[in-house]
Amino acid sequence: MAHHKSAIKRIRQSRKRKIYNRGNKKTMREAIKAVRTATTVSAAQEALKAAFSILDRVAARGVIKKNNAANKKSRLAKAVKKFEATA
């Protein structure tokens, strides 16, 4: 256990940040899953739009890195395009 005031504060901050990050990551994963499990093309496109927004927001807040968000967006767009072609 930490003994210095600054270390104790840092533990408090990291706990708070962990809860914040966990919530944001859950929202992000749910948005991605919604795109992947969409049953119609229009639903997939709507879910993709929402997922892009969430990924941009999460990246801007520093929960994930910008390149990570860009890679996820690219893969999702590719999956939706493939879904459109098959449907």
N, C-alpha and C. Protein backbone atom coordinates (compact mmCIF):
# COMPACT_ATOMS: atom_id res chain seq x y z
N MET A 1 0.85 -1.19 0.00
CA MET A 1 0.00 0.00 0.00
C MET A 1 0.88 1.24 0.00
N ALA A 2 0.41 2.29 -0.67
CA ALA A 2 1.17 3.54 -0.79
C ALA A 2 1.21 4.27 0.55
N HIS A 3 2.33 4.96 0.78
CA HIS A 3 2.50 5.71 2.03
C HIS A 3 2.52 7.22 1.82
N HIS A 4 2.89 7.66 0.63
CA HIS A 4 2.96 9.10 0.34
C HIS A 4 1.60 9.61 -0.11
N LYS A 5 1.35 10.89 0.22
CA LYS A 5 0.08 11.50 -0.17
C LYS A 5 -0.13 11.46 -1.68
N SER A 6 0.92 11.75 -2.42
CA SER A 6 0.79 11.79 -3.88
C SER A 6 0.49 10.40 -4.45
N ALA A 7 1.08 9.37 -3.85
CA ALA A 7 0.83 8.01 -4.32
C ALA A 7 -0.60 7.58 -3.99
N ILE A 8 -1.09 7.99 -2.84
CA ILE A 8 -2.47 7.67 -2.45
C ILE A 8 -3.45 8.36 -3.41
N LYS A 9 -3.14 9.62 -3.74
CA LYS A 9 -3.99 10.35 -4.69
C LYS A 9 -3.96 9.68 -6.05
N ARG A 10 -2.78 9.26 -6.47
CA ARG A 10 -2.63 8.60 -7.77
C ARG A 10 -3.47 7.32 -7.83
N ILE A 11 -3.51 6.57 -6.75
CA ILE A 11 -4.33 5.35 -6.68
C ILE A 11 -5.81 5.70 -6.84
N ARG A 12 -6.24 6.76 -6.13
CA ARG A 12 -7.62 7.22 -6.24
C ARG A 12 -7.96 7.60 -7.68
N GLN A 13 -7.06 8.34 -8.31
CA GLN A 13 -7.28 8.80 -9.68
C GLN A 13 -7.34 7.62 -10.65
N SER A 14 -6.43 6.67 -10.46
CA SER A 14 -6.39 5.54 -11.39
C SER A 14 -7.63 4.66 -11.26
N ARG A 15 -8.17 4.54 -10.05
CA ARG A 15 -9.41 3.78 -9.87
C ARG A 15 -10.56 4.46 -10.62
N LYS A 16 -10.64 5.78 -10.48
CA LYS A 16 -11.68 6.55 -11.14
C LYS A 16 -11.56 6.42 -12.66
N ARG A 17 -10.34 6.54 -13.16
CA ARG A 17 -10.06 6.45 -14.59
C ARG A 17 -10.39 5.06 -15.13
N LYS A 18 -10.10 4.03 -14.32
CA LYS A 18 -10.36 2.65 -14.73
C LYS A 18 -11.86 2.44 -14.95
N ILE A 19 -12.68 2.95 -14.03
CA ILE A 19 -14.13 2.83 -14.15
C ILE A 19 -14.62 3.56 -15.40
N TYR A 20 -14.09 4.76 -15.61
CA TYR A 20 -14.44 5.58 -16.78
C TYR A 20 -14.08 4.87 -18.08
N ASN A 21 -12.86 4.35 -18.14
CA ASN A 21 -12.39 3.66 -19.34
C ASN A 21 -13.19 2.39 -19.60
N ARG A 22 -13.49 1.67 -18.54
CA ARG A 22 -14.24 0.42 -18.67
C ARG A 22 -15.61 0.69 -19.28
N GLY A 23 -16.28 1.72 -18.83
CA GLY A 23 -17.59 2.09 -19.36
C GLY A 23 -17.53 2.47 -20.82
N ASN A 24 -16.53 3.27 -21.17
CA ASN A 24 -16.38 3.69 -22.56
C ASN A 24 -16.04 2.52 -23.48
N LYS A 25 -15.20 1.61 -23.00
CA LYS A 25 -14.84 0.45 -23.81
C LYS A 25 -16.05 -0.46 -24.02
N LYS A 26 -16.89 -0.58 -22.99
CA LYS A 26 -18.09 -1.41 -23.11
C LYS A 26 -19.03 -0.82 -24.17
N THR A 27 -19.22 0.48 -24.14
CA THR A 27 -20.05 1.15 -25.12
C THR A 27 -19.51 0.92 -26.53
N MET A 28 -18.19 1.01 -26.65
CA MET A 28 -17.53 0.81 -27.94
C MET A 28 -17.75 -0.62 -28.44
N ARG A 29 -17.55 -1.60 -27.57
CA ARG A 29 -17.73 -3.00 -27.96
C ARG A 29 -19.17 -3.29 -28.36
N GLU A 30 -20.13 -2.69 -27.64
CA GLU A 30 -21.54 -2.89 -27.97
C GLU A 30 -21.87 -2.32 -29.34
N ALA A 31 -21.30 -1.15 -29.66
CA ALA A 31 -21.53 -0.52 -30.95
C ALA A 31 -20.96 -1.38 -32.08
N ILE A 32 -19.78 -1.93 -31.86
CA ILE A 32 -19.14 -2.78 -32.87
C ILE A 32 -19.96 -4.05 -33.08
N LYS A 33 -20.44 -4.62 -31.99
CA LYS A 33 -21.24 -5.84 -32.07
C LYS A 33 -22.55 -5.57 -32.81
N ALA A 34 -23.13 -4.40 -32.60
CA ALA A 34 -24.38 -4.04 -33.28
C ALA A 34 -24.18 -4.01 -34.80
N VAL A 35 -23.02 -3.54 -35.24
CA VAL A 35 -22.74 -3.52 -36.68
C VAL A 35 -22.59 -4.94 -37.20
N ARG A 36 -21.84 -5.75 -36.49
CA ARG A 36 -21.54 -7.10 -36.95
C ARG A 36 -22.78 -8.01 -36.93
N THR A 37 -23.73 -7.75 -36.04
CA THR A 37 -24.91 -8.62 -35.93
C THR A 37 -26.14 -8.06 -36.63
N ALA A 38 -25.99 -6.97 -37.36
CA ALA A 38 -27.13 -6.37 -38.07
C ALA A 38 -27.66 -7.36 -39.11
N THR A 39 -28.98 -7.41 -39.24
CA THR A 39 -29.59 -8.39 -40.14
C THR A 39 -29.93 -7.80 -41.51
N THR A 40 -30.12 -6.49 -41.58
CA THR A 40 -30.41 -5.86 -42.87
C THR A 40 -29.31 -4.87 -43.22
N VAL A 41 -29.22 -4.53 -44.49
CA VAL A 41 -28.19 -3.60 -44.95
C VAL A 41 -28.40 -2.22 -44.34
N SER A 42 -29.64 -1.75 -44.31
CA SER A 42 -29.91 -0.42 -43.76
C SER A 42 -29.59 -0.37 -42.26
N ALA A 43 -29.90 -1.44 -41.55
CA ALA A 43 -29.58 -1.50 -40.12
C ALA A 43 -28.07 -1.49 -39.91
N ALA A 44 -27.36 -2.20 -40.77
CA ALA A 44 -25.89 -2.25 -40.68
C ALA A 44 -25.30 -0.87 -40.93
N GLN A 45 -25.84 -0.15 -41.90
CA GLN A 45 -25.34 1.19 -42.21
C GLN A 45 -25.60 2.17 -41.07
N GLU A 46 -26.78 2.09 -40.48
CA GLU A 46 -27.10 2.95 -39.33
C GLU A 46 -26.19 2.64 -38.14
N ALA A 47 -26.01 1.35 -37.89
CA ALA A 47 -25.14 0.93 -36.78
C ALA A 47 -23.70 1.34 -37.04
N LEU A 48 -23.28 1.29 -38.30
CA LEU A 48 -21.92 1.70 -38.66
C LEU A 48 -21.72 3.18 -38.38
N LYS A 49 -22.70 3.98 -38.74
CA LYS A 49 -22.63 5.43 -38.50
C LYS A 49 -22.50 5.72 -37.00
N ALA A 50 -23.30 5.03 -36.20
CA ALA A 50 -23.25 5.21 -34.75
C ALA A 50 -21.90 4.73 -34.20
N ALA A 51 -21.41 3.61 -34.71
CA ALA A 51 -20.14 3.06 -34.23
C ALA A 51 -18.98 4.00 -34.56
N PHE A 52 -19.01 4.60 -35.76
CA PHE A 52 -17.96 5.55 -36.14
C PHE A 52 -17.93 6.72 -35.15
N SER A 53 -19.10 7.21 -34.81
CA SER A 53 -19.20 8.33 -33.88
C SER A 53 -18.63 7.95 -32.51
N ILE A 54 -19.00 6.79 -32.03
CA ILE A 54 -18.54 6.32 -30.72
C ILE A 54 -17.03 6.09 -30.74
N LEU A 55 -16.52 5.48 -31.81
CA LEU A 55 -15.08 5.22 -31.90
C LEU A 55 -14.29 6.53 -31.92
N ASP A 56 -14.79 7.53 -32.66
CA ASP A 56 -14.12 8.83 -32.69
C ASP A 56 -14.11 9.48 -31.31
N ARG A 57 -15.23 9.37 -30.62
CA ARG A 57 -15.35 9.97 -29.29
C ARG A 57 -14.40 9.30 -28.29
N VAL A 58 -14.37 7.98 -28.34
CA VAL A 58 -13.52 7.22 -27.42
C VAL A 58 -12.04 7.51 -27.69
N ALA A 59 -11.68 7.65 -28.96
CA ALA A 59 -10.30 7.97 -29.32
C ALA A 59 -9.93 9.39 -28.87
N ALA A 60 -10.86 10.31 -29.03
CA ALA A 60 -10.61 11.70 -28.62
C ALA A 60 -10.42 11.81 -27.11
N ARG A 61 -11.12 10.97 -26.37
CA ARG A 61 -11.02 10.99 -24.90
C ARG A 61 -9.78 10.26 -24.40
N GLY A 62 -9.09 9.58 -25.30
CA GLY A 62 -7.85 8.90 -24.90
C GLY A 62 -8.04 7.51 -24.34
N VAL A 63 -9.22 6.95 -24.51
CA VAL A 63 -9.47 5.60 -24.01
C VAL A 63 -8.74 4.59 -24.89
N ILE A 64 -8.80 4.81 -26.21
CA ILE A 64 -7.99 4.02 -27.16
C ILE A 64 -7.22 5.02 -28.02
N LYS A 65 -6.20 4.54 -28.71
CA LYS A 65 -5.40 5.43 -29.56
C LYS A 65 -6.12 5.68 -30.88
N LYS A 66 -5.75 6.79 -31.53
CA LYS A 66 -6.42 7.18 -32.78
C LYS A 66 -6.25 6.12 -33.87
N ASN A 67 -5.06 5.54 -33.97
CA ASN A 67 -4.84 4.52 -34.99
C ASN A 67 -5.67 3.27 -34.72
N ASN A 68 -5.83 2.93 -33.44
CA ASN A 68 -6.65 1.78 -33.06
C ASN A 68 -8.09 2.03 -33.52
N ALA A 69 -8.59 3.24 -33.29
CA ALA A 69 -9.95 3.59 -33.71
C ALA A 69 -10.05 3.53 -35.23
N ALA A 70 -9.03 4.04 -35.93
CA ALA A 70 -9.05 4.03 -37.39
C ALA A 70 -9.05 2.61 -37.93
N ASN A 71 -8.29 1.73 -37.31
CA ASN A 71 -8.24 0.33 -37.74
C ASN A 71 -9.59 -0.34 -37.54
N LYS A 72 -10.21 -0.09 -36.39
CA LYS A 72 -11.53 -0.68 -36.11
C LYS A 72 -12.57 -0.17 -37.11
N LYS A 73 -12.53 1.14 -37.40
CA LYS A 73 -13.48 1.72 -38.34
C LYS A 73 -13.29 1.12 -39.74
N SER A 74 -12.05 0.94 -40.12
CA SER A 74 -11.75 0.37 -41.43
C SER A 74 -12.29 -1.04 -41.55
N ARG A 75 -12.06 -1.85 -40.53
CA ARG A 75 -12.53 -3.24 -40.55
C ARG A 75 -14.05 -3.31 -40.58
N LEU A 76 -14.70 -2.43 -39.80
CA LEU A 76 -16.17 -2.41 -39.79
C LEU A 76 -16.73 -2.01 -41.14
N ALA A 77 -16.13 -0.98 -41.75
CA ALA A 77 -16.60 -0.51 -43.06
C ALA A 77 -16.44 -1.62 -44.09
N LYS A 78 -15.34 -2.33 -44.01
CA LYS A 78 -15.07 -3.43 -44.93
C LYS A 78 -16.12 -4.54 -44.75
N ALA A 79 -16.46 -4.85 -43.50
CA ALA A 79 -17.44 -5.89 -43.21
C ALA A 79 -18.83 -5.49 -43.73
N VAL A 80 -19.20 -4.22 -43.56
CA VAL A 80 -20.51 -3.75 -44.03
C VAL A 80 -20.54 -3.78 -45.55
N LYS A 81 -19.45 -3.38 -46.19
CA LYS A 81 -19.39 -3.40 -47.65
C LYS A 81 -19.55 -4.83 -48.18
N LYS A 82 -18.92 -5.78 -47.51
CA LYS A 82 -19.02 -7.18 -47.89
C LYS A 82 -20.47 -7.68 -47.69
N PHE A 83 -21.10 -7.24 -46.60
CA PHE A 83 -22.49 -7.60 -46.30
C PHE A 83 -23.42 -7.05 -47.37
N GLU A 84 -23.16 -5.81 -47.82
CA GLU A 84 -23.98 -5.19 -48.87
C GLU A 84 -23.85 -5.98 -50.17
N ALA A 85 -22.65 -6.44 -50.47
CA ALA A 85 -22.41 -7.16 -51.71
C ALA A 85 -23.13 -8.51 -51.74
N THR A 86 -23.18 -9.15 -50.59
CA THR A 86 -23.82 -10.47 -50.52
C THR A 86 -25.34 -10.38 -50.42
N ALA A 87 -25.82 -9.26 -49.88
CA ALA A 87 -27.28 -9.13 -49.68
C ALA A 87 -28.02 -8.72 -50.93
